[in-house]
Amino acid sequence: MEAEPLTGPPLLVEEVVQLLIPPAARETVVGDLREIYCRPSQYAVEALRTVPLVILSCAMRSANLPLLVLQGALIFFCLEGLGDHLLHLNQVQIGLGTAAALMAIILRDTYQQAGRPTVRGSIIEAIMIAFFMVVFCPAAFGLKEAPVGTPDFLLELQLVTVLPLAIPALGILQTLLIIHGDRDLDDFADSASDEALSRHFSSFLRYLQFCYLAEALALLTFAIVIRALLNIGPWLLVLYTLVAVFLLSLSRTSSGGIDDVFALRIEYRRQFHQRQQLRRFLSWLWAAPVLIALYEQLIRTGLSTHRAVLVTIGSAAVISICFLVSAINRECTGRAQEKIGLLEHRR
């Protein structure tokens, strides 16, 4: 009996291609490659030609350039400080380390699963981060532990006792974010019909304008306060001022007066995407001075004075803040994507 011709690519090859394709485009690209399949060699050539372009396209769509610049500046700042006290890195090595870290961030964003995180996945992620803090932070970069009976020793003992509480605390915070997101999506689903869309969109625009105005004023106030209290360089004040001016310009723009339902849905989706991209940047912008202060006052001071407890406290605080900011951004990004999906499906 003659063997039947293959109607699809070998299963192992197709699974490898699926893993290489970012989740946002995986189903579509895998389906297209399967439709034009003729033989394994042809499939491999098409995959080699298509997959890199898909990865690049997904990376460009998920990239947030202002956010990457801000994250790169924070990473460079931290590596420069560690290079003076611990790693002994020169400027070229610090630059390469920053570039590698930014590349890792871009790849993470590119291959991040679309949509909101699940409760189970969020709890597992929170447990992993908290467990990492429990194991990593007390190590304090190999610094000597404080002698028994000293104030630093008692503080370290208290911290090691408290750190395990981060496991349930982070898990509860993640769960509360998801529960709040479920309620928000249920409320939005009721207003996504053609009849209610115009009224809800007008309310949404007014809400955005108020948020942009309030956040611009808050940024200016916060920048002046942290400049006076923390003595952080003037570059942060300049950055906050520029962002505040941009937010003020957004608060003055209006997209009202759209009568066509189809055009209204397109504008609604555009506003959602713009708001979410801006939200990702602003959340890290708010956290930046706090992270800088923790690094300067605790980690850098602990390294220069060989006080392991300060490094431990600073490391735990920085990891917690970064995790919470990332968790909020993932939840809000996934929620915005689901709202956009509701708008598209109800056309």
C-alpha atoms as a PDB file:
ATOM      1  CA  MET A   1       0.000   0.000   0.000  1.00  0.00           C
ATOM      2  CA  GLU A   2       1.234   3.492  -0.847  1.00  0.00           C
ATOM      3  CA  ALA A   3       1.685   5.918   2.029  1.00  0.00           C
ATOM      4  CA  GLU A   4      -0.821   8.757   2.096  1.00  0.00           C
ATOM      5  CA  PRO A   5       0.696  12.187   1.378  1.00  0.00           C
ATOM      6  CA  LEU A   6       1.124  14.495   4.330  1.00  0.00           C
ATOM      7  CA  THR A   7      -1.719  17.010   4.654  1.00  0.00           C
ATOM      8  CA  GLY A   8       0.119  19.134   7.198  1.00  0.00           C
ATOM      9  CA  PRO A   9       3.597  19.806   8.546  1.00  0.00           C
ATOM     10  CA  PRO A  10       5.224  17.317  10.939  1.00  0.00           C
ATOM     11  CA  LEU A  11       3.814  17.799  14.420  1.00  0.00           C
ATOM     12  CA  LEU A  12       7.191  18.412  16.078  1.00  0.00           C
ATOM     13  CA  VAL A  13       8.205  21.023  13.494  1.00  0.00           C
ATOM     14  CA  GLU A  14       4.891  22.830  13.810  1.00  0.00           C
ATOM     15  CA  GLU A  15       5.157  22.918  17.599  1.00  0.00           C
ATOM     16  CA  VAL A  16       8.630  24.455  17.376  1.00  0.00           C
ATOM     17  CA  VAL A  17       7.320  27.114  14.985  1.00  0.00           C
ATOM     18  CA  GLN A  18       4.421  27.820  17.350  1.00  0.00           C
ATOM     19  CA  LEU A  19       6.811  28.410  20.226  1.00  0.00           C
ATOM     20  CA  LEU A  20       8.834  30.871  18.155  1.00  0.00           C
ATOM     21  CA  ILE A  21       5.799  32.946  17.149  1.00  0.00           C
ATOM     22  CA  PRO A  22       4.559  35.508  19.736  1.00  0.00           C
ATOM     23  CA  PRO A  23       1.137  34.630  21.211  1.00  0.00           C
ATOM     24  CA  ALA A  24      -0.557  37.688  19.692  1.00  0.00           C
ATOM     25  CA  ALA A  25       0.029  36.394  16.141  1.00  0.00           C
ATOM     26  CA  ARG A  26       0.492  32.670  16.774  1.00  0.00           C
ATOM     27  CA  GLU A  27      -2.895  31.333  15.694  1.00  0.00           C
ATOM     28  CA  THR A  28      -3.104  33.399  12.505  1.00  0.00           C
ATOM     29  CA  VAL A  29       0.465  32.748  11.306  1.00  0.00           C
ATOM     30  CA  VAL A  30       0.398  29.023  12.104  1.00  0.00           C
ATOM     31  CA  GLY A  31      -2.883  28.713  10.208  1.00  0.00           C
ATOM     32  CA  ASP A  32      -1.502  30.559   7.182  1.00  0.00           C
ATOM     33  CA  LEU A  33       1.630  28.403   7.117  1.00  0.00           C
ATOM     34  CA  ARG A  34      -0.481  25.258   7.323  1.00  0.00           C
ATOM     35  CA  GLU A  35      -2.691  26.374   4.436  1.00  0.00           C
ATOM     36  CA  ILE A  36       0.251  26.813   2.049  1.00  0.00           C
ATOM     37  CA  TYR A  37       2.035  23.632   3.220  1.00  0.00           C
ATOM     38  CA  CYS A  38       3.347  21.383   0.443  1.00  0.00           C
ATOM     39  CA  ARG A  39       6.311  19.530   1.879  1.00  0.00           C
ATOM     40  CA  PRO A  40       8.580  19.809   4.943  1.00  0.00           C
ATOM     41  CA  SER A  41      11.389  21.681   3.177  1.00  0.00           C
ATOM     42  CA  GLN A  42       8.965  24.245   1.753  1.00  0.00           C
ATOM     43  CA  TYR A  43       7.376  24.677   5.209  1.00  0.00           C
ATOM     44  CA  ALA A  44      10.790  25.241   6.826  1.00  0.00           C
ATOM     45  CA  VAL A  45      11.734  27.860   4.228  1.00  0.00           C
ATOM     46  CA  GLU A  46       8.429  29.708   4.660  1.00  0.00           C
ATOM     47  CA  ALA A  47       8.760  29.592   8.447  1.00  0.00           C
ATOM     48  CA  LEU A  48      12.335  30.900   8.365  1.00  0.00           C
ATOM     49  CA  ARG A  49      11.237  33.734   6.109  1.00  0.00           C
ATOM     50  CA  THR A  50       8.011  34.611   7.950  1.00  0.00           C
ATOM     51  CA  VAL A  51       8.659  34.083  11.666  1.00  0.00           C
ATOM     52  CA  PRO A  52      11.455  36.707  12.101  1.00  0.00           C
ATOM     53  CA  LEU A  53       9.279  39.341  10.419  1.00  0.00           C
ATOM     54  CA  VAL A  54       6.340  38.417  12.651  1.00  0.00           C
ATOM     55  CA  ILE A  55       8.525  38.649  15.771  1.00  0.00           C
ATOM     56  CA  LEU A  56       9.815  42.062  14.674  1.00  0.00           C
ATOM     57  CA  SER A  57       6.289  43.287  13.936  1.00  0.00           C
ATOM     58  CA  CYS A  58       4.948  42.107  17.299  1.00  0.00           C
ATOM     59  CA  ALA A  59       7.934  43.641  19.098  1.00  0.00           C
ATOM     60  CA  MET A  60       7.342  47.007  17.422  1.00  0.00           C
ATOM     61  CA  ARG A  61       3.630  46.939  18.277  1.00  0.00           C
ATOM     62  CA  SER A  62       4.229  46.069  21.926  1.00  0.00           C
ATOM     63  CA  ALA A  63       7.174  48.448  22.410  1.00  0.00           C
ATOM     64  CA  ASN A  64       6.597  51.637  24.363  1.00  0.00           C
ATOM     65  CA  LEU A  65       9.542  53.863  23.461  1.00  0.00           C
ATOM     66  CA  PRO A  66       9.233  56.456  26.289  1.00  0.00           C
ATOM     67  CA  LEU A  67       8.871  53.620  28.798  1.00  0.00           C
ATOM     68  CA  LEU A  68      11.927  51.815  27.425  1.00  0.00           C
ATOM     69  CA  VAL A  69      13.968  55.024  27.688  1.00  0.00           C
ATOM     70  CA  LEU A  70      12.865  55.483  31.308  1.00  0.00           C
ATOM     71  CA  GLN A  71      13.554  51.851  32.211  1.00  0.00           C
ATOM     72  CA  GLY A  72      16.928  52.010  30.461  1.00  0.00           C
ATOM     73  CA  ALA A  73      17.858  55.112  32.473  1.00  0.00           C
ATOM     74  CA  LEU A  74      16.896  53.403  35.741  1.00  0.00           C
ATOM     75  CA  ILE A  75      18.859  50.253  34.870  1.00  0.00           C
ATOM     76  CA  PHE A  76      21.918  52.273  33.817  1.00  0.00           C
ATOM     77  CA  PHE A  77      21.718  54.312  37.032  1.00  0.00           C
ATOM     78  CA  CYS A  78      21.599  51.180  39.193  1.00  0.00           C
ATOM     79  CA  LEU A  79      24.362  49.356  37.312  1.00  0.00           C
ATOM     80  CA  GLU A  80      26.556  52.431  37.528  1.00  0.00           C
ATOM     81  CA  GLY A  81      26.139  52.495  41.308  1.00  0.00           C
ATOM     82  CA  LEU A  82      26.775  48.770  41.643  1.00  0.00           C
ATOM     83  CA  GLY A  83      29.779  49.114  39.370  1.00  0.00           C
ATOM     84  CA  ASP A  84      31.359  51.517  41.842  1.00  0.00           C
ATOM     85  CA  HIS A  85      30.845  49.324  44.911  1.00  0.00           C
ATOM     86  CA  LEU A  86      30.390  45.721  43.851  1.00  0.00           C
ATOM     87  CA  LEU A  87      30.653  44.712  40.186  1.00  0.00           C
ATOM     88  CA  HIS A  88      33.570  46.949  39.119  1.00  0.00           C
ATOM     89  CA  LEU A  89      32.134  47.627  35.656  1.00  0.00           C
ATOM     90  CA  ASN A  90      33.312  50.255  33.184  1.00  0.00           C
ATOM     91  CA  GLN A  91      30.984  52.452  31.141  1.00  0.00           C
ATOM     92  CA  VAL A  92      31.010  50.141  28.132  1.00  0.00           C
ATOM     93  CA  GLN A  93      30.085  47.119  30.235  1.00  0.00           C
ATOM     94  CA  ILE A  94      27.337  49.098  31.956  1.00  0.00           C
ATOM     95  CA  GLY A  95      25.971  50.146  28.570  1.00  0.00           C
ATOM     96  CA  LEU A  96      26.023  46.571  27.293  1.00  0.00           C
ATOM     97  CA  GLY A  97      24.318  45.364  30.477  1.00  0.00           C
ATOM     98  CA  THR A  98      21.621  48.007  30.060  1.00  0.00           C
ATOM     99  CA  ALA A  99      21.101  47.032  26.413  1.00  0.00           C
ATOM    100  CA  ALA A 100      20.828  43.354  27.362  1.00  0.00           C
ATOM    101  CA  ALA A 101      18.275  44.164  30.066  1.00  0.00           C
ATOM    102  CA  LEU A 102      16.208  46.258  27.635  1.00  0.00           C
ATOM    103  CA  MET A 103      16.321  43.444  25.079  1.00  0.00           C
ATOM    104  CA  ALA A 104      15.024  41.056  27.736  1.00  0.00           C
ATOM    105  CA  ILE A 105      12.186  43.489  28.530  1.00  0.00           C
ATOM    106  CA  ILE A 106      11.280  43.771  24.832  1.00  0.00           C
ATOM    107  CA  LEU A 107      11.243  39.984  24.438  1.00  0.00           C
ATOM    108  CA  ARG A 108       9.125  39.609  27.574  1.00  0.00           C
ATOM    109  CA  ASP A 109       6.581  42.122  26.286  1.00  0.00           C
ATOM    110  CA  THR A 110       6.600  40.523  22.833  1.00  0.00           C
ATOM    111  CA  TYR A 111       5.973  36.984  24.094  1.00  0.00           C
ATOM    112  CA  GLN A 112       3.680  37.950  26.951  1.00  0.00           C
ATOM    113  CA  GLN A 113       0.359  36.146  26.765  1.00  0.00           C
ATOM    114  CA  ALA A 114      -2.405  38.370  25.430  1.00  0.00           C
ATOM    115  CA  GLY A 115      -5.272  39.252  27.756  1.00  0.00           C
ATOM    116  CA  ARG A 116      -5.512  39.527  31.502  1.00  0.00           C
ATOM    117  CA  PRO A 117      -3.597  37.123  33.746  1.00  0.00           C
ATOM    118  CA  THR A 118      -5.600  34.320  35.337  1.00  0.00           C
ATOM    119  CA  VAL A 119      -6.103  34.087  39.088  1.00  0.00           C
ATOM    120  CA  ARG A 120      -4.112  30.844  39.250  1.00  0.00           C
ATOM    121  CA  GLY A 121      -1.247  32.225  37.178  1.00  0.00           C
ATOM    122  CA  SER A 122      -1.176  35.458  39.175  1.00  0.00           C
ATOM    123  CA  ILE A 123      -1.012  33.641  42.502  1.00  0.00           C
ATOM    124  CA  ILE A 124       1.781  31.375  41.234  1.00  0.00           C
ATOM    125  CA  GLU A 125       3.695  34.407  39.955  1.00  0.00           C
ATOM    126  CA  ALA A 126       3.250  36.225  43.276  1.00  0.00           C
ATOM    127  CA  ILE A 127       4.472  33.179  45.198  1.00  0.00           C
ATOM    128  CA  MET A 128       7.542  32.880  42.938  1.00  0.00           C
ATOM    129  CA  ILE A 129       8.445  36.566  43.369  1.00  0.00           C
ATOM    130  CA  ALA A 130       7.908  36.435  47.118  1.00  0.00           C
ATOM    131  CA  PHE A 131       9.939  33.228  47.402  1.00  0.00           C
ATOM    132  CA  PHE A 132      12.713  34.867  45.386  1.00  0.00           C
ATOM    133  CA  MET A 133      12.742  37.767  47.852  1.00  0.00           C
ATOM    134  CA  VAL A 134      12.867  35.408  50.815  1.00  0.00           C
ATOM    135  CA  VAL A 135      15.864  33.557  49.332  1.00  0.00           C
ATOM    136  CA  PHE A 136      17.694  36.388  47.555  1.00  0.00           C
ATOM    137  CA  CYS A 137      17.321  39.443  49.774  1.00  0.00           C
ATOM    138  CA  PRO A 138      18.811  38.027  53.007  1.00  0.00           C
ATOM    139  CA  ALA A 139      21.939  37.127  51.022  1.00  0.00           C
ATOM    140  CA  ALA A 140      22.578  40.893  50.704  1.00  0.00           C
ATOM    141  CA  PHE A 141      25.080  40.527  47.851  1.00  0.00           C
ATOM    142  CA  GLY A 142      27.447  38.475  49.988  1.00  0.00           C
ATOM    143  CA  LEU A 143      28.001  41.147  52.614  1.00  0.00           C
ATOM    144  CA  LYS A 144      28.927  40.080  56.126  1.00  0.00           C
ATOM    145  CA  GLU A 145      26.062  39.565  58.520  1.00  0.00           C
ATOM    146  CA  ALA A 146      25.804  41.874  61.516  1.00  0.00           C
ATOM    147  CA  PRO A 147      27.267  40.595  64.799  1.00  0.00           C
ATOM    148  CA  VAL A 148      24.816  39.017  67.224  1.00  0.00           C
ATOM    149  CA  GLY A 149      23.200  41.476  69.578  1.00  0.00           C
ATOM    150  CA  THR A 150      23.785  44.579  67.486  1.00  0.00           C
ATOM    151  CA  PRO A 151      20.858  46.735  66.264  1.00  0.00           C
ATOM    152  CA  ASP A 152      21.466  45.591  62.669  1.00  0.00           C
ATOM    153  CA  PHE A 153      21.278  41.941  63.752  1.00  0.00           C
ATOM    154  CA  LEU A 154      17.915  42.487  65.468  1.00  0.00           C
ATOM    155  CA  LEU A 155      16.637  44.360  62.435  1.00  0.00           C
ATOM    156  CA  GLU A 156      17.753  41.521  60.144  1.00  0.00           C
ATOM    157  CA  LEU A 157      15.995  39.004  62.396  1.00  0.00           C
ATOM    158  CA  GLN A 158      12.765  40.985  62.254  1.00  0.00           C
ATOM    159  CA  LEU A 159      13.027  41.351  58.487  1.00  0.00           C
ATOM    160  CA  VAL A 160      13.615  37.634  57.892  1.00  0.00           C
ATOM    161  CA  THR A 161      10.562  36.944  60.059  1.00  0.00           C
ATOM    162  CA  VAL A 162       8.392  39.408  58.108  1.00  0.00           C
ATOM    163  CA  LEU A 163       9.567  38.564  54.569  1.00  0.00           C
ATOM    164  CA  PRO A 164       7.586  35.275  54.269  1.00  0.00           C
ATOM    165  CA  LEU A 165       4.406  37.323  54.787  1.00  0.00           C
ATOM    166  CA  ALA A 166       5.046  38.754  51.314  1.00  0.00           C
ATOM    167  CA  ILE A 167       3.810  35.483  49.793  1.00  0.00           C
ATOM    168  CA  PRO A 168       0.143  35.808  50.853  1.00  0.00           C
ATOM    169  CA  ALA A 169       0.235  39.621  50.639  1.00  0.00           C
ATOM    170  CA  LEU A 170       1.285  39.720  46.986  1.00  0.00           C
ATOM    171  CA  GLY A 171      -1.145  36.925  46.127  1.00  0.00           C
ATOM    172  CA  ILE A 172      -4.044  38.801  47.732  1.00  0.00           C
ATOM    173  CA  LEU A 173      -3.149  42.020  45.896  1.00  0.00           C
ATOM    174  CA  GLN A 174      -3.044  40.189  42.569  1.00  0.00           C
ATOM    175  CA  THR A 175      -6.415  38.580  43.244  1.00  0.00           C
ATOM    176  CA  LEU A 176      -8.007  41.915  44.190  1.00  0.00           C
ATOM    177  CA  LEU A 177      -6.764  43.421  40.926  1.00  0.00           C
ATOM    178  CA  ILE A 178      -8.403  40.624  38.935  1.00  0.00           C
ATOM    179  CA  ILE A 179     -11.698  40.853  40.850  1.00  0.00           C
ATOM    180  CA  HIS A 180     -11.834  44.609  40.250  1.00  0.00           C
ATOM    181  CA  GLY A 181     -11.070  44.001  36.569  1.00  0.00           C
ATOM    182  CA  ASP A 182     -13.933  41.494  36.277  1.00  0.00           C
ATOM    183  CA  ARG A 183     -16.400  44.033  37.635  1.00  0.00           C
ATOM    184  CA  ASP A 184     -15.087  46.759  35.349  1.00  0.00           C
ATOM    185  CA  LEU A 185     -15.446  44.514  32.281  1.00  0.00           C
ATOM    186  CA  ASP A 186     -18.991  43.540  33.249  1.00  0.00           C
ATOM    187  CA  ASP A 187     -19.953  47.201  33.524  1.00  0.00           C
ATOM    188  CA  PHE A 188     -18.324  47.997  30.190  1.00  0.00           C
ATOM    189  CA  ALA A 189     -20.039  45.099  28.416  1.00  0.00           C
ATOM    190  CA  ASP A 190     -23.428  46.627  29.229  1.00  0.00           C
ATOM    191  CA  SER A 191     -22.429  49.917  27.578  1.00  0.00           C
ATOM    192  CA  ALA A 192     -20.842  48.454  24.415  1.00  0.00           C
ATOM    193  CA  SER A 193     -24.096  48.208  22.475  1.00  0.00           C
ATOM    194  CA  ASP A 194     -24.771  50.629  19.624  1.00  0.00           C
ATOM    195  CA  GLU A 195     -27.521  52.381  21.590  1.00  0.00           C
ATOM    196  CA  ALA A 196     -25.396  53.135  24.661  1.00  0.00           C
ATOM    197  CA  LEU A 197     -22.042  53.550  22.935  1.00  0.00           C
ATOM    198  CA  SER A 198     -22.303  57.239  22.020  1.00  0.00           C
ATOM    199  CA  ARG A 199     -23.418  58.264  25.508  1.00  0.00           C
ATOM    200  CA  HIS A 200     -20.766  56.143  27.190  1.00  0.00           C
ATOM    201  CA  PHE A 201     -18.040  57.417  24.849  1.00  0.00           C
ATOM    202  CA  SER A 202     -18.838  61.041  25.748  1.00  0.00           C
ATOM    203  CA  SER A 203     -18.564  60.158  29.438  1.00  0.00           C
ATOM    204  CA  PHE A 204     -15.319  58.324  28.762  1.00  0.00           C
ATOM    205  CA  LEU A 205     -13.816  61.363  27.018  1.00  0.00           C
ATOM    206  CA  ARG A 206     -14.756  63.640  29.900  1.00  0.00           C
ATOM    207  CA  TYR A 207     -13.215  61.147  32.305  1.00  0.00           C
ATOM    208  CA  LEU A 208      -9.995  61.039  30.274  1.00  0.00           C
ATOM    209  CA  GLN A 209      -9.755  64.832  30.128  1.00  0.00           C
ATOM    210  CA  PHE A 210     -10.224  65.077  33.889  1.00  0.00           C
ATOM    211  CA  CYS A 211      -7.609  62.339  34.489  1.00  0.00           C
ATOM    212  CA  TYR A 212      -5.068  64.001  32.198  1.00  0.00           C
ATOM    213  CA  LEU A 213      -5.557  67.392  33.874  1.00  0.00           C
ATOM    214  CA  ALA A 214      -5.428  65.993  37.418  1.00  0.00           C
ATOM    215  CA  GLU A 215      -2.374  63.859  36.722  1.00  0.00           C
ATOM    216  CA  ALA A 216      -0.534  66.766  35.082  1.00  0.00           C
ATOM    217  CA  LEU A 217      -1.028  68.909  38.182  1.00  0.00           C
ATOM    218  CA  ALA A 218      -0.098  66.000  40.447  1.00  0.00           C
ATOM    219  CA  LEU A 219       3.114  65.381  38.494  1.00  0.00           C
ATOM    220  CA  LEU A 220       4.204  68.995  38.804  1.00  0.00           C
ATOM    221  CA  THR A 221       3.464  69.032  42.542  1.00  0.00           C
ATOM    222  CA  PHE A 222       5.190  65.702  43.105  1.00  0.00           C
ATOM    223  CA  ALA A 223       8.264  66.772  41.115  1.00  0.00           C
ATOM    224  CA  ILE A 224       8.689  69.914  43.232  1.00  0.00           C
ATOM    225  CA  VAL A 225       8.254  67.963  46.472  1.00  0.00           C
ATOM    226  CA  ILE A 226      10.741  65.193  45.632  1.00  0.00           C
ATOM    227  CA  ARG A 227      13.231  67.768  44.355  1.00  0.00           C
ATOM    228  CA  ALA A 228      13.085  69.521  47.713  1.00  0.00           C
ATOM    229  CA  LEU A 229      12.999  66.425  49.944  1.00  0.00           C
ATOM    230  CA  LEU A 230      15.176  63.884  48.143  1.00  0.00           C
ATOM    231  CA  ASN A 231      17.540  66.251  46.316  1.00  0.00           C
ATOM    232  CA  ILE A 232      17.238  64.188  43.132  1.00  0.00           C
ATOM    233  CA  GLY A 233      18.852  65.779  40.084  1.00  0.00           C
ATOM    234  CA  PRO A 234      16.984  68.404  38.048  1.00  0.00           C
ATOM    235  CA  TRP A 235      16.568  65.946  35.146  1.00  0.00           C
ATOM    236  CA  LEU A 236      13.606  64.331  36.917  1.00  0.00           C
ATOM    237  CA  LEU A 237      11.920  67.688  37.450  1.00  0.00           C
ATOM    238  CA  VAL A 238      12.405  68.480  33.747  1.00  0.00           C
ATOM    239  CA  LEU A 239      11.005  65.091  32.730  1.00  0.00           C
ATOM    240  CA  TYR A 240       7.955  65.464  34.972  1.00  0.00           C
ATOM    241  CA  THR A 241       7.346  68.969  33.609  1.00  0.00           C
ATOM    242  CA  LEU A 242       7.495  67.785  29.990  1.00  0.00           C
ATOM    243  CA  VAL A 243       5.101  64.926  30.687  1.00  0.00           C
ATOM    244  CA  ALA A 244       2.744  67.276  32.533  1.00  0.00           C
ATOM    245  CA  VAL A 245       2.698  69.671  29.559  1.00  0.00           C
ATOM    246  CA  PHE A 246       1.918  66.743  27.245  1.00  0.00           C
ATOM    247  CA  LEU A 247      -0.942  65.613  29.506  1.00  0.00           C
ATOM    248  CA  LEU A 248      -2.319  69.147  29.582  1.00  0.00           C
ATOM    249  CA  SER A 249      -2.346  69.183  25.784  1.00  0.00           C
ATOM    250  CA  LEU A 250      -4.244  65.883  25.763  1.00  0.00           C
ATOM    251  CA  SER A 251      -6.804  67.246  28.224  1.00  0.00           C
ATOM    252  CA  ARG A 252      -7.670  69.990  25.736  1.00  0.00           C
ATOM    253  CA  THR A 253      -8.228  67.703  22.756  1.00  0.00           C
ATOM    254  CA  SER A 254     -11.735  66.557  21.921  1.00  0.00           C
ATOM    255  CA  SER A 255     -12.936  63.724  19.694  1.00  0.00           C
ATOM    256  CA  GLY A 256     -16.635  64.290  20.225  1.00  0.00           C
ATOM    257  CA  GLY A 257     -19.255  64.879  17.555  1.00  0.00           C
ATOM    258  CA  ILE A 258     -18.831  61.496  15.826  1.00  0.00           C
ATOM    259  CA  ASP A 259     -22.213  60.238  14.609  1.00  0.00           C
ATOM    260  CA  ASP A 260     -21.242  57.137  12.665  1.00  0.00           C
ATOM    261  CA  VAL A 261     -21.208  54.074  14.951  1.00  0.00           C
ATOM    262  CA  PHE A 262     -18.394  52.376  13.046  1.00  0.00           C
ATOM    263  CA  ALA A 263     -16.171  55.496  13.225  1.00  0.00           C
ATOM    264  CA  LEU A 264     -17.097  55.874  16.897  1.00  0.00           C
ATOM    265  CA  ARG A 265     -15.882  52.352  17.683  1.00  0.00           C
ATOM    266  CA  ILE A 266     -12.612  53.006  15.842  1.00  0.00           C
ATOM    267  CA  GLU A 267     -12.047  56.210  17.827  1.00  0.00           C
ATOM    268  CA  TYR A 268     -12.998  54.445  21.055  1.00  0.00           C
ATOM    269  CA  ARG A 269     -10.394  51.734  20.393  1.00  0.00           C
ATOM    270  CA  ARG A 270      -7.768  54.353  19.559  1.00  0.00           C
ATOM    271  CA  GLN A 271      -8.432  56.196  22.811  1.00  0.00           C
ATOM    272  CA  PHE A 272      -8.233  52.935  24.778  1.00  0.00           C
ATOM    273  CA  HIS A 273      -4.894  52.025  23.202  1.00  0.00           C
ATOM    274  CA  GLN A 274      -3.450  55.515  23.689  1.00  0.00           C
ATOM    275  CA  ARG A 275      -4.588  55.619  27.298  1.00  0.00           C
ATOM    276  CA  GLN A 276      -3.098  52.229  28.082  1.00  0.00           C
ATOM    277  CA  GLN A 277       0.263  52.966  26.469  1.00  0.00           C
ATOM    278  CA  LEU A 278       0.405  56.223  28.410  1.00  0.00           C
ATOM    279  CA  ARG A 279      -0.696  54.463  31.601  1.00  0.00           C
ATOM    280  CA  ARG A 280       2.182  51.968  31.342  1.00  0.00           C
ATOM    281  CA  PHE A 281       4.678  54.814  31.078  1.00  0.00           C
ATOM    282  CA  LEU A 282       3.120  56.918  33.845  1.00  0.00           C
ATOM    283  CA  SER A 283       3.029  54.062  36.344  1.00  0.00           C
ATOM    284  CA  TRP A 284       6.800  53.621  36.025  1.00  0.00           C
ATOM    285  CA  LEU A 285       7.300  57.396  36.025  1.00  0.00           C
ATOM    286  CA  TRP A 286       5.518  57.634  39.384  1.00  0.00           C
ATOM    287  CA  ALA A 287       7.575  54.746  40.738  1.00  0.00           C
ATOM    288  CA  ALA A 288      10.922  56.055  39.417  1.00  0.00           C
ATOM    289  CA  PRO A 289      11.755  58.554  42.211  1.00  0.00           C
ATOM    290  CA  VAL A 290      10.718  56.029  44.865  1.00  0.00           C
ATOM    291  CA  LEU A 291      12.993  53.384  43.321  1.00  0.00           C
ATOM    292  CA  ILE A 292      15.845  55.892  43.055  1.00  0.00           C
ATOM    293  CA  ALA A 293      15.403  56.935  46.690  1.00  0.00           C
ATOM    294  CA  LEU A 294      15.347  53.324  47.904  1.00  0.00           C
ATOM    295  CA  TYR A 295      18.450  52.560  45.879  1.00  0.00           C
ATOM    296  CA  GLU A 296      20.356  55.627  47.078  1.00  0.00           C
ATOM    297  CA  GLN A 297      19.296  55.583  50.737  1.00  0.00           C
ATOM    298  CA  LEU A 298      19.348  51.824  51.349  1.00  0.00           C
ATOM    299  CA  ILE A 299      21.130  49.698  48.736  1.00  0.00           C
ATOM    300  CA  ARG A 300      23.931  52.082  47.822  1.00  0.00           C
ATOM    301  CA  THR A 301      24.403  53.237  51.415  1.00  0.00           C
ATOM    302  CA  GLY A 302      24.408  49.630  52.635  1.00  0.00           C
ATOM    303  CA  LEU A 303      27.033  48.639  50.085  1.00  0.00           C
ATOM    304  CA  SER A 304      29.287  51.584  50.871  1.00  0.00           C
ATOM    305  CA  THR A 305      29.031  51.068  54.658  1.00  0.00           C
ATOM    306  CA  HIS A 306      28.925  47.240  54.487  1.00  0.00           C
ATOM    307  CA  ARG A 307      25.565  47.125  56.292  1.00  0.00           C
ATOM    308  CA  ALA A 308      23.844  44.050  54.896  1.00  0.00           C
ATOM    309  CA  VAL A 309      20.504  44.828  56.519  1.00  0.00           C
ATOM    310  CA  LEU A 310      20.110  48.041  54.520  1.00  0.00           C
ATOM    311  CA  VAL A 311      20.799  46.190  51.275  1.00  0.00           C
ATOM    312  CA  THR A 312      18.290  43.508  52.280  1.00  0.00           C
ATOM    313  CA  ILE A 313      15.530  46.000  53.051  1.00  0.00           C
ATOM    314  CA  GLY A 314      16.228  48.015  49.906  1.00  0.00           C
ATOM    315  CA  SER A 315      16.285  44.942  47.673  1.00  0.00           C
ATOM    316  CA  ALA A 316      12.989  43.641  49.064  1.00  0.00           C
ATOM    317  CA  ALA A 317      11.327  47.036  48.654  1.00  0.00           C
ATOM    318  CA  VAL A 318      12.566  47.536  45.079  1.00  0.00           C
ATOM    319  CA  ILE A 319      11.502  44.030  44.010  1.00  0.00           C
ATOM    320  CA  SER A 320       8.064  44.493  45.576  1.00  0.00           C
ATOM    321  CA  ILE A 321       7.455  47.838  43.875  1.00  0.00           C
ATOM    322  CA  CYS A 322       8.619  46.586  40.469  1.00  0.00           C
ATOM    323  CA  PHE A 323       6.412  43.516  40.799  1.00  0.00           C
ATOM    324  CA  LEU A 324       3.337  45.536  41.784  1.00  0.00           C
ATOM    325  CA  VAL A 325       3.822  48.064  38.960  1.00  0.00           C
ATOM    326  CA  SER A 326       4.230  45.231  36.441  1.00  0.00           C
ATOM    327  CA  ALA A 327       1.173  43.423  37.828  1.00  0.00           C
ATOM    328  CA  ILE A 328      -0.990  46.553  37.579  1.00  0.00           C
ATOM    329  CA  ASN A 329       0.217  47.220  34.035  1.00  0.00           C
ATOM    330  CA  ARG A 330      -0.474  43.644  32.928  1.00  0.00           C
ATOM    331  CA  GLU A 331      -3.960  43.693  34.407  1.00  0.00           C
ATOM    332  CA  CYS A 332      -4.818  47.090  32.894  1.00  0.00           C
ATOM    333  CA  THR A 333      -3.334  46.176  29.503  1.00  0.00           C
ATOM    334  CA  GLY A 334      -5.278  42.917  29.378  1.00  0.00           C
ATOM    335  CA  ARG A 335      -8.452  44.700  30.437  1.00  0.00           C
ATOM    336  CA  ALA A 336      -8.009  47.298  27.671  1.00  0.00           C
ATOM    337  CA  GLN A 337      -7.471  44.512  25.116  1.00  0.00           C
ATOM    338  CA  GLU A 338     -10.676  42.779  26.214  1.00  0.00           C
ATOM    339  CA  LYS A 339     -12.630  46.033  25.999  1.00  0.00           C
ATOM    340  CA  ILE A 340     -11.296  46.588  22.500  1.00  0.00           C
ATOM    341  CA  GLY A 341     -12.355  43.032  21.664  1.00  0.00           C
ATOM    342  CA  LEU A 342     -15.883  43.762  22.916  1.00  0.00           C
ATOM    343  CA  LEU A 343     -16.038  46.828  20.700  1.00  0.00           C
ATOM    344  CA  GLU A 344     -14.916  44.830  17.664  1.00  0.00           C
ATOM    345  CA  HIS A 345     -17.293  41.910  18.217  1.00  0.00           C
ATOM    346  CA  ARG A 346     -20.336  44.125  18.606  1.00  0.00           C
ATOM    347  CA  ARG A 347     -19.956  46.026  15.373  1.00  0.00           C
END
